[in-house]
Amino acid sequence: MGLFPRYKRAARVAGAAILAALLAGCSGLGSKAPPPTYELMAVQSFPRGVGPIRGQLIVAEPSALALLDSDRIMVRLANGQTEQLANAQWEDRLPKLLQARIIQSFENGRRLRAVGKPGDRLVADYQLLIDVRAFQISADSNTADIEIAAKIVGDRSGRIRAARVFKVSVATDSTEGPAAVAALNDAFNRAVVQLVLWTTRVI
């Protein structure tokens, strides 16, 4: 019977060692660093405007398929499949990020009396509705590809004043990491310059 206390002590020591190992493993899993977060940049400068500043515009949050309605940065492979860019993500959901940066771009362009988002208590003349059809890196062509469809709608009448599709492709040296994100930013800026100039001409 004198052996039992030693067995009990050994069992307690073994149990404590196992528990410590499990906790260490959990701690290692919990401390895994999140992927780097990348920002989408607003357009900072535009060609000099011609004519008076006019019109007030609401920019609705863009619509997008579920694949693009997230903070993932997408890559289209040569076989047509799509996967997430490894070790990278946007700073927010792409549609929300696009809305914020498009509004900032309009503000930087200084071609409208006011621009905002729904809920800003802005008495708008028009709404800008955007559908994101493509916003990705294409691995087969080494390009950043953006396609957005835009509609300018009378805020009171609900009638479509004008509609247009903007497509931009920019070559990239790499389909990974900062180079891929820089190419997407370049493509986005080119598309938004066209979008802002077109919108301000229409309204």
Protein backbone atom coordinates (compact mmCIF):
# COMPACT_ATOMS: atom_id res chain seq x y z
CA MET A 1 0.00 0.00 0.00
CA GLY A 2 2.98 2.28 0.47
CA LEU A 3 3.44 2.32 -3.32
CA PHE A 4 0.08 3.98 -4.08
CA PRO A 5 1.07 7.51 -2.98
CA ARG A 6 4.04 7.36 -5.35
CA TYR A 7 1.74 6.25 -8.21
CA LYS A 8 -0.66 9.08 -7.40
CA ARG A 9 2.14 11.64 -7.39
CA ALA A 10 3.45 10.30 -10.72
CA ALA A 11 -0.04 10.47 -12.23
CA ARG A 12 -0.46 14.06 -11.04
CA VAL A 13 2.91 15.04 -12.52
CA ALA A 14 2.10 13.34 -15.83
CA GLY A 15 -1.32 15.00 -15.91
CA ALA A 16 0.17 18.41 -15.26
CA ALA A 17 2.73 17.87 -18.05
CA ILE A 18 0.00 16.91 -20.54
CA LEU A 19 -2.12 19.91 -19.56
CA ALA A 20 0.85 22.25 -19.95
CA ALA A 21 1.58 20.81 -23.40
CA LEU A 22 -2.04 21.27 -24.47
CA LEU A 23 -2.11 24.86 -23.22
CA ALA A 24 1.14 25.60 -25.00
CA GLY A 25 -0.29 24.18 -28.22
CA CYS A 26 -3.44 26.28 -27.90
CA SER A 27 -1.35 29.35 -27.18
CA GLY A 28 0.70 28.72 -30.31
CA LEU A 29 -2.44 28.45 -32.42
CA GLY A 30 -3.94 31.58 -30.93
CA SER A 31 -0.82 33.65 -31.53
CA LYS A 32 -0.71 33.01 -35.30
CA ALA A 33 -0.27 36.36 -36.97
CA PRO A 34 -3.17 37.57 -39.17
CA PRO A 35 -2.44 38.14 -42.87
CA PRO A 36 -1.20 41.61 -43.88
CA THR A 37 -4.00 44.09 -44.55
CA TYR A 38 -3.89 46.27 -47.66
CA GLU A 39 -5.57 49.57 -48.39
CA LEU A 40 -7.40 50.69 -51.51
CA MET A 41 -6.42 54.26 -52.34
CA ALA A 42 -8.72 57.09 -53.48
CA VAL A 43 -7.80 59.16 -56.53
CA GLN A 44 -5.95 62.27 -55.38
CA SER A 45 -5.89 64.47 -58.49
CA PHE A 46 -7.91 65.00 -61.66
CA PRO A 47 -7.61 67.08 -64.83
CA ARG A 48 -8.65 70.68 -64.31
CA GLY A 49 -12.44 71.01 -64.36
CA VAL A 50 -14.35 72.98 -66.99
CA GLY A 51 -17.65 74.72 -66.22
CA PRO A 52 -19.50 75.42 -62.98
CA ILE A 53 -19.58 73.08 -59.99
CA ARG A 54 -23.07 71.63 -59.74
CA GLY A 55 -25.14 68.69 -58.54
CA GLN A 56 -25.35 66.70 -55.33
CA LEU A 57 -24.72 62.96 -55.47
CA ILE A 58 -25.35 59.94 -53.27
CA VAL A 59 -23.03 56.96 -53.81
CA ALA A 60 -24.75 53.74 -52.75
CA GLU A 61 -22.72 50.77 -51.50
CA PRO A 62 -21.82 48.77 -54.62
CA SER A 63 -23.43 45.40 -55.21
CA ALA A 64 -21.28 42.33 -55.84
CA LEU A 65 -21.48 38.56 -55.97
CA ALA A 66 -20.65 36.71 -52.76
CA LEU A 67 -17.14 35.95 -54.04
CA LEU A 68 -16.32 39.68 -54.05
CA ASP A 69 -18.45 40.69 -51.07
CA SER A 70 -15.69 40.10 -48.53
CA ASP A 71 -12.24 41.33 -47.51
CA ARG A 72 -10.54 38.68 -49.65
CA ILE A 73 -8.30 39.65 -52.56
CA MET A 74 -9.20 37.32 -55.41
CA VAL A 75 -7.01 35.64 -58.03
CA ARG A 76 -8.48 34.03 -61.16
CA LEU A 77 -6.41 31.05 -62.29
CA ALA A 78 -5.75 29.92 -65.85
CA ASN A 79 -8.30 27.09 -65.50
CA GLY A 80 -11.07 29.58 -64.66
CA GLN A 81 -11.11 28.78 -60.95
CA THR A 82 -10.76 31.52 -58.36
CA GLU A 83 -8.80 31.51 -55.13
CA GLN A 84 -7.81 33.98 -52.44
CA LEU A 85 -4.51 35.84 -52.73
CA ALA A 86 -2.24 34.17 -50.21
CA ASN A 87 -1.26 36.04 -47.06
CA ALA A 88 -3.19 39.24 -47.91
CA GLN A 89 -6.59 40.85 -47.39
CA TRP A 90 -8.37 44.19 -47.82
CA GLU A 91 -8.87 46.40 -44.78
CA ASP A 92 -12.67 45.98 -45.04
CA ARG A 93 -15.32 44.33 -47.20
CA LEU A 94 -14.61 45.27 -50.80
CA PRO A 95 -18.03 46.92 -51.55
CA LYS A 96 -17.83 49.08 -48.43
CA LEU A 97 -14.22 49.97 -49.22
CA LEU A 98 -15.11 50.88 -52.81
CA GLN A 99 -17.95 53.12 -51.64
CA ALA A 100 -15.67 55.02 -49.25
CA ARG A 101 -12.86 55.48 -51.77
CA ILE A 102 -15.19 56.50 -54.61
CA ILE A 103 -16.77 59.16 -52.38
CA GLN A 104 -13.30 60.42 -51.40
CA SER A 105 -12.31 60.52 -55.07
CA PHE A 106 -15.35 62.66 -55.94
CA GLU A 107 -14.48 64.98 -53.07
CA ASN A 108 -10.89 65.25 -54.28
CA GLY A 109 -12.14 66.04 -57.78
CA ARG A 110 -14.15 69.05 -56.52
CA ARG A 111 -16.61 68.87 -59.40
CA LEU A 112 -19.83 68.51 -57.37
CA ARG A 113 -21.45 70.68 -54.74
CA ALA A 114 -21.72 67.70 -52.41
CA VAL A 115 -21.30 63.93 -52.40
CA GLY A 116 -22.09 61.40 -49.72
CA LYS A 117 -23.60 58.05 -48.86
CA PRO A 118 -27.19 57.10 -47.96
CA GLY A 119 -28.03 58.38 -44.49
CA ASP A 120 -25.85 61.48 -44.75
CA ARG A 121 -28.96 63.75 -44.83
CA LEU A 122 -27.86 65.01 -48.21
CA VAL A 123 -30.63 66.40 -50.44
CA ALA A 124 -29.27 64.69 -53.54
CA ASP A 125 -30.12 65.25 -57.17
CA TYR A 126 -28.85 61.82 -58.24
CA GLN A 127 -27.73 58.45 -56.95
CA LEU A 128 -24.77 56.53 -58.32
CA LEU A 129 -25.44 52.79 -58.38
CA ILE A 130 -22.48 50.48 -59.00
CA ASP A 131 -22.28 46.76 -59.64
CA VAL A 132 -18.82 45.18 -59.25
CA ARG A 133 -18.42 42.54 -61.94
CA ALA A 134 -14.69 41.91 -61.62
CA PHE A 135 -12.02 42.99 -59.16
CA GLN A 136 -9.20 40.50 -59.30
CA ILE A 137 -5.74 39.43 -60.33
CA SER A 138 -5.74 37.22 -63.45
CA ALA A 139 -2.89 34.73 -63.17
CA ASP A 140 -2.97 33.62 -66.82
CA SER A 141 -2.45 37.16 -68.19
CA ASN A 142 -0.56 38.67 -65.21
CA THR A 143 -3.00 41.57 -65.03
CA ALA A 144 -5.16 43.32 -62.48
CA ASP A 145 -8.68 43.38 -63.93
CA ILE A 146 -11.56 45.60 -62.85
CA GLU A 147 -15.03 45.83 -64.34
CA ILE A 148 -17.78 47.97 -62.82
CA ALA A 149 -21.20 48.84 -64.20
CA ALA A 150 -22.51 52.27 -63.16
CA LYS A 151 -25.94 53.86 -63.36
CA ILE A 152 -26.84 57.46 -62.59
CA VAL A 153 -30.41 57.56 -61.28
CA GLY A 154 -32.58 60.57 -60.49
CA ASP A 155 -32.99 60.59 -56.72
CA ARG A 156 -36.60 61.77 -56.87
CA SER A 157 -37.79 60.32 -60.19
CA GLY A 158 -35.98 56.99 -59.95
CA ARG A 159 -35.27 57.18 -63.67
CA ILE A 160 -31.92 56.12 -65.10
CA ARG A 161 -30.19 59.19 -66.50
CA ALA A 162 -27.17 57.33 -67.91
CA ALA A 163 -25.39 53.98 -67.68
CA ARG A 164 -21.91 52.80 -68.56
CA VAL A 165 -19.51 49.91 -67.99
CA PHE A 166 -15.89 50.65 -67.04
CA LYS A 167 -13.24 47.99 -67.71
CA VAL A 168 -9.56 48.43 -66.89
CA SER A 169 -6.64 45.97 -67.02
CA VAL A 170 -3.17 46.77 -65.71
CA ALA A 171 -0.10 44.55 -66.13
CA THR A 172 1.58 43.31 -62.95
CA ASP A 173 5.07 41.92 -62.39
CA SER A 174 3.75 39.50 -59.79
CA THR A 175 0.42 37.91 -58.92
CA GLU A 176 1.35 37.84 -55.24
CA GLY A 177 1.62 40.29 -52.34
CA PRO A 178 2.34 44.02 -52.64
CA ALA A 179 2.92 44.00 -56.40
CA ALA A 180 -0.51 42.47 -57.05
CA VAL A 181 -2.22 44.93 -54.71
CA ALA A 182 -0.37 47.86 -56.30
CA ALA A 183 -1.65 46.78 -59.72
CA LEU A 184 -5.22 46.55 -58.41
CA ASN A 185 -4.87 50.05 -56.93
CA ASP A 186 -3.59 51.34 -60.27
CA ALA A 187 -6.49 49.75 -62.16
CA PHE A 188 -8.99 51.07 -59.60
CA ASN A 189 -7.63 54.62 -59.87
CA ARG A 190 -7.84 54.57 -63.66
CA ALA A 191 -11.41 53.29 -63.54
CA VAL A 192 -12.46 55.87 -60.95
CA VAL A 193 -10.98 58.78 -62.91
CA GLN A 194 -13.17 57.73 -65.84
CA LEU A 195 -16.16 57.23 -63.53
CA VAL A 196 -15.86 60.67 -61.89
CA LEU A 197 -15.35 62.53 -65.16
CA TRP A 198 -18.28 60.73 -66.80
CA THR A 199 -20.60 61.26 -63.83
CA THR A 200 -19.89 64.97 -63.51
CA ARG A 201 -20.49 65.48 -67.23
CA VAL A 202 -23.87 63.75 -67.02
CA ILE A 203 -25.24 65.58 -64.00
